[in-house]
Amino acid sequence: MRLISARQAWREALHESRDSVLAAAQERIKLGKRGRVIGETMPSMRDSNGRCAHMLAAGLVQSAIGTLPKPLQHFGHALYSPVANGQDINVAHALVWLTVDLGECTAKRKEVAYWMALAAIKSHQAAVNGREAWGPGRVVEFVHDWYGTKVSVSHWARDWSTIWSTIASTVDHLDAKALKPVAAVIVKMAERRVFGTSRWDLYDREHVADLRAEAYAARRGSAREALHARLNAMGTEQLRRWFRRMNAYGAAYRREWGIDTQENPGRHLVYNDRISEYWSQRQRVGDVTKRVA
């Protein structure tokens, strides 16, 4: 999940980015599959790094949404949530109507304005999602469909333009309030990518490795004894599993540091001690024989 904008973050934080059970079943029917095929590659249900990153970002956004008053949460869900329901729409409509100040207005005009408030939410939702905002004709049609009252489009500028602008401004204001904590999350996450916020920006790799080696040197004796005692307590099978892990660790470490492990051994004390203990344990279990020159 990429945090691009507050509106996008709100929507994607509540979106499950994988196929539903029915969609997966439908795909298998298309392929004519019944059950699982031996050797078939199946999507993993475990949390990959990408999924964990999505869950972290989504959790931060959802937590920010949770700080809003309940009516504003429903208002934001009505505009941006992929799982918005009737309650979200109803509360959003009520919030706009209770917030807007239309001044002096007849009862009949207030009745029409009440449904214009819902139309304004729909219009705003269309506008922020890349579609055209509603014009007078669409608003008049909506009010007639929902309330049954005919409003003259020809008299829109005289009778309804001011009311519509006031309601639309109220929707904009509520939208900004709802998005404020989500926008703060995006700014905070963006600051983590600014130069100087990571230790690798402030120090080069060699300097960090030297500091790590210096800290290890202060406790090197006890660390070596603890490692030796732990390995001596292992059985042969446990040790062989440790040998395999050490082989992978050593190969990765040498790929990263190359000849520096030999040119600057003091920088790689942890690595050297582990390799030394590795060969000692290999000798103990009889995998290798110590030779005397």
Protein backbone atom coordinates (compact mmCIF):
# COMPACT_ATOMS: atom_id res chain seq x y z
CA MET A 1 0.00 0.00 0.00
CA ARG A 2 1.49 3.30 -1.10
CA LEU A 3 0.56 6.39 0.87
CA ILE A 4 -0.02 8.86 -1.95
CA SER A 5 -2.93 10.97 -0.73
CA ALA A 6 -5.28 10.99 2.23
CA ARG A 7 -8.26 9.99 0.08
CA GLN A 8 -6.37 7.12 -1.54
CA ALA A 9 -5.02 5.97 1.83
CA TRP A 10 -8.51 5.95 3.39
CA ARG A 11 -9.86 3.82 0.57
CA GLU A 12 -7.00 1.32 0.38
CA ALA A 13 -6.66 0.96 4.16
CA LEU A 14 -10.11 -0.66 4.16
CA HIS A 15 -9.55 -2.71 1.01
CA GLU A 16 -8.48 -6.37 1.10
CA SER A 17 -6.05 -6.75 -1.80
CA ARG A 18 -6.72 -10.35 -2.72
CA ASP A 19 -9.45 -12.35 -4.42
CA SER A 20 -12.51 -13.35 -2.47
CA VAL A 21 -13.29 -17.01 -1.82
CA LEU A 22 -16.01 -16.96 -4.49
CA ALA A 23 -13.70 -15.31 -7.04
CA ALA A 24 -11.03 -17.95 -6.43
CA ALA A 25 -13.63 -20.74 -6.75
CA GLN A 26 -14.95 -19.24 -9.98
CA GLU A 27 -11.44 -19.14 -11.43
CA ARG A 28 -10.90 -22.79 -10.57
CA ILE A 29 -14.20 -23.71 -12.26
CA LYS A 30 -13.05 -21.93 -15.42
CA LEU A 31 -9.90 -24.05 -15.40
CA GLY A 32 -11.92 -27.20 -14.78
CA LYS A 33 -10.16 -28.00 -11.52
CA ARG A 34 -11.56 -30.19 -8.80
CA GLY A 35 -9.54 -30.15 -5.62
CA ARG A 36 -5.80 -29.64 -5.73
CA VAL A 37 -3.38 -30.98 -8.29
CA ILE A 38 -0.09 -32.50 -7.17
CA GLY A 39 2.70 -29.98 -7.61
CA GLU A 40 0.27 -27.11 -8.19
CA THR A 41 1.49 -23.68 -7.14
CA MET A 42 -0.99 -22.10 -4.75
CA PRO A 43 -1.00 -18.50 -3.49
CA SER A 44 0.56 -18.37 -0.06
CA MET A 45 -1.70 -17.35 2.81
CA ARG A 46 1.30 -16.39 4.90
CA ASP A 47 2.19 -12.75 5.40
CA SER A 48 4.86 -11.74 2.92
CA ASN A 49 6.96 -8.63 3.44
CA GLY A 50 4.73 -6.71 1.06
CA ARG A 51 1.59 -7.79 2.86
CA CYS A 52 3.11 -6.91 6.23
CA ALA A 53 3.99 -3.45 4.90
CA HIS A 54 0.41 -3.05 3.66
CA MET A 55 -0.95 -4.11 7.05
CA LEU A 56 1.32 -1.62 8.83
CA ALA A 57 0.29 1.30 6.63
CA ALA A 58 -3.38 0.30 6.76
CA GLY A 59 -3.22 0.01 10.54
CA LEU A 60 -1.75 3.50 10.88
CA VAL A 61 -4.45 4.96 8.65
CA GLN A 62 -7.25 3.09 10.40
CA SER A 63 -5.90 4.24 13.76
CA ALA A 64 -5.93 7.84 12.52
CA ILE A 65 -9.52 7.43 11.31
CA GLY A 66 -10.44 6.11 14.74
CA THR A 67 -9.39 9.41 16.36
CA LEU A 68 -12.18 11.25 14.54
CA PRO A 69 -15.61 11.82 16.09
CA LYS A 70 -18.00 9.07 15.05
CA PRO A 71 -20.06 11.25 12.67
CA LEU A 72 -16.91 12.30 10.80
CA GLN A 73 -15.81 8.68 10.54
CA HIS A 74 -19.12 7.81 8.88
CA PHE A 75 -18.79 10.86 6.64
CA GLY A 76 -15.35 9.75 5.46
CA HIS A 77 -16.51 6.17 4.97
CA ALA A 78 -19.43 7.38 2.88
CA LEU A 79 -17.01 9.17 0.56
CA TYR A 80 -14.03 6.82 0.43
CA SER A 81 -14.64 3.43 2.00
CA PRO A 82 -15.01 0.49 -0.42
CA VAL A 83 -17.38 -1.10 2.12
CA ALA A 84 -19.55 1.93 2.91
CA ASN A 85 -23.07 1.02 3.99
CA GLY A 86 -26.41 2.72 4.48
CA GLN A 87 -25.53 3.83 7.99
CA ASP A 88 -22.49 5.71 6.70
CA ILE A 89 -24.60 7.51 4.09
CA ASN A 90 -27.36 8.35 6.56
CA VAL A 91 -24.99 9.73 9.20
CA ALA A 92 -23.03 11.70 6.59
CA HIS A 93 -26.26 13.20 5.28
CA ALA A 94 -27.40 14.14 8.77
CA LEU A 95 -23.99 15.64 9.61
CA VAL A 96 -24.03 17.89 6.56
CA TRP A 97 -27.59 18.99 7.24
CA LEU A 98 -26.91 19.75 10.92
CA THR A 99 -23.71 21.63 10.08
CA VAL A 100 -24.82 23.81 7.18
CA ASP A 101 -26.15 27.29 7.90
CA LEU A 102 -28.69 28.35 5.30
CA GLY A 103 -29.85 31.46 7.11
CA GLU A 104 -33.48 32.45 6.76
CA CYS A 105 -35.29 29.99 4.55
CA THR A 106 -38.90 28.91 4.06
CA ALA A 107 -40.00 25.47 5.20
CA LYS A 108 -40.54 24.33 1.60
CA ARG A 109 -37.08 25.44 0.53
CA LYS A 110 -35.56 23.70 3.55
CA GLU A 111 -37.25 20.47 2.53
CA VAL A 112 -35.67 20.68 -0.91
CA ALA A 113 -32.33 21.77 0.57
CA TYR A 114 -32.37 18.70 2.83
CA TRP A 115 -32.22 16.44 -0.20
CA MET A 116 -29.75 18.74 -1.91
CA ALA A 117 -27.42 17.98 1.01
CA LEU A 118 -27.43 14.31 0.02
CA ALA A 119 -26.94 15.28 -3.62
CA ALA A 120 -23.96 17.42 -2.58
CA ILE A 121 -22.33 14.39 -0.94
CA LYS A 122 -22.83 12.36 -4.11
CA SER A 123 -21.49 15.22 -6.23
CA HIS A 124 -18.42 15.63 -4.02
CA GLN A 125 -17.79 11.89 -4.12
CA ALA A 126 -17.84 11.97 -7.91
CA ALA A 127 -15.53 14.99 -8.08
CA VAL A 128 -12.85 13.57 -5.76
CA ASN A 129 -12.85 10.29 -7.69
CA GLY A 130 -12.05 11.90 -11.01
CA ARG A 131 -15.58 12.29 -12.36
CA GLU A 132 -17.52 15.46 -13.06
CA ALA A 133 -19.25 17.25 -10.22
CA TRP A 134 -23.00 17.43 -10.51
CA GLY A 135 -24.55 20.30 -12.40
CA PRO A 136 -27.98 21.87 -11.78
CA GLY A 137 -29.76 19.40 -14.06
CA ARG A 138 -28.39 16.37 -12.22
CA VAL A 139 -29.21 17.87 -8.82
CA VAL A 140 -32.77 18.71 -9.86
CA GLU A 141 -33.24 15.20 -11.22
CA PHE A 142 -31.92 13.69 -7.98
CA VAL A 143 -34.25 15.77 -5.80
CA HIS A 144 -37.22 14.80 -7.94
CA ASP A 145 -36.34 11.09 -7.82
CA TRP A 146 -35.82 11.05 -4.06
CA TYR A 147 -38.38 13.57 -2.85
CA GLY A 148 -40.80 14.02 -5.71
CA THR A 149 -40.50 17.79 -5.87
CA LYS A 150 -39.84 19.48 -9.19
CA VAL A 151 -37.28 22.27 -9.13
CA SER A 152 -36.99 24.57 -12.12
CA VAL A 153 -33.54 24.49 -13.69
CA SER A 154 -34.25 27.76 -15.48
CA HIS A 155 -34.54 29.53 -12.11
CA TRP A 156 -31.52 27.80 -10.58
CA ALA A 157 -29.27 30.87 -10.45
CA ARG A 158 -31.99 32.93 -8.78
CA ASP A 159 -33.50 30.40 -6.36
CA TRP A 160 -31.02 27.62 -5.62
CA SER A 161 -27.47 28.55 -6.60
CA THR A 162 -26.65 30.18 -3.25
CA ILE A 163 -28.13 27.30 -1.25
CA TRP A 164 -26.25 24.74 -3.32
CA SER A 165 -22.95 26.63 -2.96
CA THR A 166 -23.41 26.85 0.81
CA ILE A 167 -24.11 23.14 1.13
CA ALA A 168 -21.20 22.24 -1.17
CA SER A 169 -18.85 24.42 0.89
CA THR A 170 -20.00 22.64 4.05
CA VAL A 171 -19.24 19.27 2.46
CA ASP A 172 -15.76 20.52 1.48
CA HIS A 173 -15.16 21.73 5.04
CA LEU A 174 -16.23 18.43 6.60
CA ASP A 175 -14.14 16.52 4.08
CA ALA A 176 -11.04 18.49 5.06
CA LYS A 177 -11.69 17.82 8.76
CA ALA A 178 -12.15 14.10 8.15
CA LEU A 179 -8.97 13.80 6.09
CA LYS A 180 -6.75 15.83 8.44
CA PRO A 181 -5.50 12.96 10.69
CA VAL A 182 -4.97 10.68 7.68
CA ALA A 183 -2.96 13.40 5.94
CA ALA A 184 -0.86 13.72 9.10
CA VAL A 185 0.01 10.02 8.87
CA ILE A 186 1.15 10.45 5.27
CA VAL A 187 3.35 13.41 6.20
CA LYS A 188 4.85 11.50 9.12
CA MET A 189 5.61 8.45 6.98
CA ALA A 190 7.10 10.65 4.25
CA GLU A 191 9.46 12.23 6.80
CA ARG A 192 10.97 8.81 7.42
CA ARG A 193 12.32 8.87 3.87
CA VAL A 194 13.96 12.28 4.24
CA PHE A 195 17.76 12.28 4.15
CA GLY A 196 19.26 12.17 7.61
CA THR A 197 16.53 10.19 9.33
CA SER A 198 18.28 6.87 8.72
CA ARG A 199 21.60 5.94 10.27
CA TRP A 200 22.82 4.81 6.83
CA ASP A 201 22.40 8.41 5.63
CA LEU A 202 24.44 9.77 8.53
CA TYR A 203 27.20 7.15 8.65
CA ASP A 204 28.82 5.01 6.02
CA ARG A 205 28.64 1.25 6.27
CA GLU A 206 32.23 0.82 7.46
CA HIS A 207 31.81 3.31 10.29
CA VAL A 208 28.69 1.55 11.55
CA ALA A 209 30.47 -1.82 11.36
CA ASP A 210 33.41 -0.39 13.35
CA LEU A 211 31.07 0.88 16.06
CA ARG A 212 29.34 -2.49 16.20
CA ALA A 213 32.70 -4.29 16.49
CA GLU A 214 33.80 -1.91 19.25
CA ALA A 215 30.66 -2.64 21.26
CA TYR A 216 31.12 -6.38 20.73
CA ALA A 217 34.78 -6.26 21.78
CA ALA A 218 33.76 -5.05 25.25
CA ARG A 219 31.79 -8.25 25.83
CA ARG A 220 33.65 -10.55 23.49
CA GLY A 221 34.91 -12.96 26.13
CA SER A 222 31.53 -13.66 27.67
CA ALA A 223 29.87 -13.82 24.24
CA ARG A 224 32.33 -16.45 23.00
CA GLU A 225 31.92 -18.51 26.16
CA ALA A 226 28.13 -18.37 25.91
CA LEU A 227 28.19 -19.46 22.26
CA HIS A 228 30.63 -22.29 23.02
CA ALA A 229 28.52 -23.54 25.93
CA ARG A 230 25.29 -23.38 23.91
CA LEU A 231 26.76 -25.38 21.04
CA ASN A 232 28.38 -27.95 23.32
CA ALA A 233 24.95 -28.63 24.81
CA MET A 234 23.52 -29.48 21.38
CA GLY A 235 23.20 -32.96 19.99
CA THR A 236 24.71 -33.97 16.67
CA GLU A 237 21.53 -33.37 14.65
CA GLN A 238 21.02 -29.95 16.21
CA LEU A 239 24.61 -29.04 15.42
CA ARG A 240 24.25 -30.12 11.81
CA ARG A 241 21.23 -27.84 11.44
CA TRP A 242 23.33 -25.04 12.94
CA PHE A 243 26.11 -25.86 10.47
CA ARG A 244 23.69 -25.39 7.58
CA ARG A 245 22.54 -22.04 8.93
CA MET A 246 26.16 -20.97 9.40
CA ASN A 247 26.99 -21.93 5.82
CA ALA A 248 24.20 -19.67 4.57
CA TYR A 249 25.21 -16.89 6.98
CA GLY A 250 28.88 -17.09 6.00
CA ALA A 251 28.12 -17.02 2.28
CA ALA A 252 25.84 -14.00 2.64
CA TYR A 253 28.35 -12.18 4.84
CA ARG A 254 31.21 -12.74 2.40
CA ARG A 255 29.06 -11.56 -0.50
CA GLU A 256 28.37 -8.33 1.37
CA TRP A 257 31.88 -7.58 2.65
CA GLY A 258 34.17 -9.45 0.28
CA ILE A 259 37.92 -9.01 0.84
CA ASP A 260 37.29 -6.58 3.70
CA THR A 261 36.83 -9.55 6.05
CA GLN A 262 40.54 -10.30 5.57
CA GLU A 263 41.89 -6.78 5.25
CA ASN A 264 40.11 -5.48 8.36
CA PRO A 265 39.51 -8.45 10.68
CA GLY A 266 38.92 -6.17 13.66
CA ARG A 267 35.81 -4.86 11.95
CA HIS A 268 34.35 -8.37 11.67
CA LEU A 269 34.93 -9.83 15.13
CA VAL A 270 31.47 -11.37 15.40
CA TYR A 271 31.82 -13.08 12.03
CA ASN A 272 35.34 -14.35 12.77
CA ASP A 273 34.36 -15.72 16.19
CA ARG A 274 31.38 -17.55 14.74
CA ILE A 275 33.48 -19.05 11.95
CA SER A 276 36.12 -20.13 14.46
CA GLU A 277 33.50 -21.81 16.62
CA TYR A 278 31.97 -23.39 13.52
CA TRP A 279 35.20 -25.23 12.69
CA SER A 280 35.75 -26.20 16.32
CA GLN A 281 32.33 -27.82 16.45
CA ARG A 282 32.86 -29.52 13.09
CA GLN A 283 36.03 -31.02 14.52
CA ARG A 284 34.21 -32.08 17.70
CA VAL A 285 31.62 -34.11 15.81
CA GLY A 286 34.29 -35.63 13.57
CA ASP A 287 33.41 -33.89 10.30
CA VAL A 288 36.96 -32.57 9.95
CA THR A 289 40.31 -33.65 11.36
CA LYS A 290 42.81 -31.27 12.86
CA ARG A 291 46.08 -31.46 11.02
CA VAL A 292 49.43 -30.49 12.49
CA ALA A 293 52.00 -29.10 10.09
